[in-house]
PDB file of N, CA and C in Angstrom:
ATOM      1  N   MET A   1       3.732  -5.941  -3.109  1.00  0.00           N
ATOM      2  CA  MET A   1       3.429  -5.088  -2.464  1.00  0.00           C
ATOM      3  C   MET A   1       4.065  -5.263  -0.763  1.00  0.00           C
ATOM      4  N   GLN A   2       4.708  -3.640  -1.296  1.00  0.00           N
ATOM      5  CA  GLN A   2       6.162  -3.228  -0.191  1.00  0.00           C
ATOM      6  C   GLN A   2       4.605  -1.744   0.370  1.00  0.00           C
ATOM      7  N   ILE A   3       4.638  -1.979   2.582  1.00  0.00           N
ATOM      8  CA  ILE A   3       3.724  -1.459   2.301  1.00  0.00           C
ATOM      9  C   ILE A   3       4.350  -0.785   3.839  1.00  0.00           C
ATOM     10  N   LEU A   4       4.517   0.136   4.618  1.00  0.00           N
ATOM     11  CA  LEU A   4       4.742   1.097   5.804  1.00  0.00           C
ATOM     12  C   LEU A   4       3.923   1.731   6.197  1.00  0.00           C
ATOM     13  N   ILE A   5       3.604   0.944   7.659  1.00  0.00           N
ATOM     14  CA  ILE A   5       3.362   1.593   8.981  1.00  0.00           C
ATOM     15  C   ILE A   5       3.012   1.906   9.520  1.00  0.00           C
ATOM     16  N   ASP A   6       2.692   3.173   9.954  1.00  0.00           N
ATOM     17  CA  ASP A   6       2.920   3.952  11.305  1.00  0.00           C
ATOM     18  C   ASP A   6       2.389   2.938  12.562  1.00  0.00           C
ATOM     19  N   GLU A   7       3.293   3.277  14.119  1.00  0.00           N
ATOM     20  CA  GLU A   7       2.119   2.765  15.461  1.00  0.00           C
ATOM     21  C   GLU A   7       0.263   3.122  15.164  1.00  0.00           C
ATOM     22  N   ASN A   8       0.210   3.695  14.955  1.00  0.00           N
ATOM     23  CA  ASN A   8      -1.355   3.916  15.097  1.00  0.00           C
ATOM     24  C   ASN A   8      -2.166   3.291  13.395  1.00  0.00           C
ATOM     25  N   GLY A   9      -1.533   1.720  12.913  1.00  0.00           N
ATOM     26  CA  GLY A   9      -1.889   1.573  11.342  1.00  0.00           C
ATOM     27  C   GLY A   9      -2.274   2.179   9.834  1.00  0.00           C
ATOM     28  N   LYS A  10      -2.050   3.874  10.123  1.00  0.00           N
ATOM     29  CA  LYS A  10      -1.738   4.351   9.299  1.00  0.00           C
ATOM     30  C   LYS A  10      -0.251   4.468   8.315  1.00  0.00           C
ATOM     31  N   VAL A  11      -0.854   4.063   6.504  1.00  0.00           N
ATOM     32  CA  VAL A  11      -0.317   3.647   5.411  1.00  0.00           C
ATOM     33  C   VAL A  11       0.787   4.649   5.419  1.00  0.00           C
ATOM     34  N   LEU A  12       1.651   5.113   5.635  1.00  0.00           N
ATOM     35  CA  LEU A  12       2.932   6.057   5.345  1.00  0.00           C
ATOM     36  C   LEU A  12       3.628   6.024   4.109  1.00  0.00           C
ATOM     37  N   SER A  13       3.673   4.179   2.964  1.00  0.00           N
ATOM     38  CA  SER A  13       4.092   4.104   1.768  1.00  0.00           C
ATOM     39  C   SER A  13       3.373   3.294   1.450  1.00  0.00           C
ATOM     40  N   ALA A  14       3.230   2.503  -0.249  1.00  0.00           N
ATOM     41  CA  ALA A  14       3.011   1.504  -0.716  1.00  0.00           C
ATOM     42  C   ALA A  14       3.655   1.808  -1.930  1.00  0.00           C
ATOM     43  N   HIS A  15       4.170   0.961  -2.655  1.00  0.00           N
ATOM     44  CA  HIS A  15       5.112   1.017  -3.698  1.00  0.00           C
ATOM     45  C   HIS A  15       4.718  -1.008  -4.198  1.00  0.00           C
ATOM     46  N   ALA A  16       4.036  -0.895  -5.262  1.00  0.00           N
ATOM     47  CA  ALA A  16       4.486  -2.235  -5.722  1.00  0.00           C
ATOM     48  C   ALA A  16       5.844  -2.614  -5.754  1.00  0.00           C
ATOM     49  N   VAL A  17       6.205  -3.715  -5.946  1.00  0.00           N
ATOM     50  CA  VAL A  17       7.650  -4.270  -6.244  1.00  0.00           C
ATOM     51  C   VAL A  17       7.562  -5.668  -7.885  1.00  0.00           C
ATOM     52  N   SER A  18       6.600  -5.678  -8.558  1.00  0.00           N
ATOM     53  CA  SER A  18       6.353  -6.864  -9.287  1.00  0.00           C
ATOM     54  C   SER A  18       4.683  -6.696  -9.480  1.00  0.00           C
ATOM     55  N   GLY A  19       4.192  -7.198 -10.117  1.00  0.00           N
ATOM     56  CA  GLY A  19       3.049  -7.786 -10.919  1.00  0.00           C
ATOM     57  C   GLY A  19       2.476  -6.825 -12.503  1.00  0.00           C
ATOM     58  N   ASN A  20       1.641  -6.694 -13.367  1.00  0.00           N
ATOM     59  CA  ASN A  20       1.315  -6.455 -14.264  1.00  0.00           C
ATOM     60  C   ASN A  20       0.978  -4.743 -13.975  1.00  0.00           C
ATOM     61  N   PRO A  21       1.374  -4.122 -14.839  1.00  0.00           N
ATOM     62  CA  PRO A  21       2.112  -2.511 -15.053  1.00  0.00           C
ATOM     63  C   PRO A  21       0.372  -2.207 -14.774  1.00  0.00           C
ATOM     64  N   PHE A  22      -0.131  -2.377 -15.595  1.00  0.00           N
ATOM     65  CA  PHE A  22      -1.839  -2.333 -15.860  1.00  0.00           C
ATOM     66  C   PHE A  22      -2.633  -1.902 -14.426  1.00  0.00           C
ATOM     67  N   LEU A  23      -2.206  -2.979 -13.809  1.00  0.00           N
ATOM     68  CA  LEU A  23      -2.445  -2.493 -12.353  1.00  0.00           C
ATOM     69  C   LEU A  23      -2.049  -2.518 -11.246  1.00  0.00           C
ATOM     70  N   THR A  24      -0.712  -1.998 -10.529  1.00  0.00           N
ATOM     71  CA  THR A  24       0.263  -1.953  -9.921  1.00  0.00           C
ATOM     72  C   THR A  24      -0.507  -0.066  -8.919  1.00  0.00           C
ATOM     73  N   ALA A  25      -0.330   0.746 -10.207  1.00  0.00           N
ATOM     74  CA  ALA A  25      -0.752   1.978 -10.275  1.00  0.00           C
ATOM     75  C   ALA A  25      -2.267   2.120  -8.914  1.00  0.00           C
ATOM     76  N   ALA A  26      -3.759   1.060  -9.270  1.00  0.00           N
ATOM     77  CA  ALA A  26      -4.403   0.534  -8.790  1.00  0.00           C
ATOM     78  C   ALA A  26      -3.733   0.272  -7.936  1.00  0.00           C
ATOM     79  N   ALA A  27      -2.847  -1.343  -7.077  1.00  0.00           N
ATOM     80  CA  ALA A  27      -3.575  -1.434  -6.067  1.00  0.00           C
ATOM     81  C   ALA A  27      -2.385  -0.529  -4.856  1.00  0.00           C
ATOM     82  N   GLU A  28      -1.513  -0.012  -5.992  1.00  0.00           N
ATOM     83  CA  GLU A  28      -1.238   1.097  -4.547  1.00  0.00           C
ATOM     84  C   GLU A  28      -1.974   1.352  -4.289  1.00  0.00           C
ATOM     85  N   SER A  29      -2.722   2.903  -4.662  1.00  0.00           N
ATOM     86  CA  SER A  29      -4.055   3.118  -4.069  1.00  0.00           C
ATOM     87  C   SER A  29      -4.959   2.624  -3.206  1.00  0.00           C
ATOM     88  N   ALA A  30      -5.074   1.346  -3.210  1.00  0.00           N
ATOM     89  CA  ALA A  30      -5.971   1.152  -2.461  1.00  0.00           C
ATOM     90  C   ALA A  30      -5.051   0.939  -1.006  1.00  0.00           C
ATOM     91  N   ALA A  31      -3.884   0.370  -1.818  1.00  0.00           N
ATOM     92  CA  ALA A  31      -3.610   0.203   0.337  1.00  0.00           C
ATOM     93  C   ALA A  31      -2.808   1.050   0.832  1.00  0.00           C
ATOM     94  N   ARG A  32      -2.605   2.600   0.283  1.00  0.00           N
ATOM     95  CA  ARG A  32      -2.507   3.996   0.311  1.00  0.00           C
ATOM     96  C   ARG A  32      -4.004   4.250   1.005  1.00  0.00           C
ATOM     97  N   GLY A  33      -5.059   3.773   1.081  1.00  0.00           N
ATOM     98  CA  GLY A  33      -6.070   3.430   1.353  1.00  0.00           C
ATOM     99  C   GLY A  33      -6.755   3.249   2.164  1.00  0.00           C
ATOM    100  N   ALA A  34      -5.709   1.862   2.881  1.00  0.00           N
ATOM    101  CA  ALA A  34      -6.348   0.657   3.431  1.00  0.00           C
ATOM    102  C   ALA A  34      -6.011   1.062   4.785  1.00  0.00           C
ATOM    103  N   ARG A  35      -6.224   0.488   6.710  1.00  0.00           N
ATOM    104  CA  ARG A  35      -6.526   1.303   7.448  1.00  0.00           C
ATOM    105  C   ARG A  35      -6.145  -0.017   8.741  1.00  0.00           C
ATOM    106  N   PHE A  36      -4.847  -0.106   9.198  1.00  0.00           N
ATOM    107  CA  PHE A  36      -4.759  -1.005   9.256  1.00  0.00           C
ATOM    108  C   PHE A  36      -4.777  -1.056  11.385  1.00  0.00           C
ATOM    109  N   THR A  37      -5.512  -2.655  11.872  1.00  0.00           N
ATOM    110  CA  THR A  37      -5.382  -1.706  13.614  1.00  0.00           C
ATOM    111  C   THR A  37      -3.596  -2.555  13.785  1.00  0.00           C
ATOM    112  N   PRO A  38      -3.186  -1.972  14.833  1.00  0.00           N
ATOM    113  CA  PRO A  38      -2.052  -2.222  15.037  1.00  0.00           C
ATOM    114  C   PRO A  38      -2.274  -3.656  15.949  1.00  0.00           C
TER     115      PRO A  38
END
């Protein structure tokens, strides 16, 4: 996964760079819904 996070911990973009094609869409969706603590 390649995830871009802003200074507040919000995911700006998420892109699977490799992996099972059947799972990449779900992984990207889950990453977009995550919240990170700066």
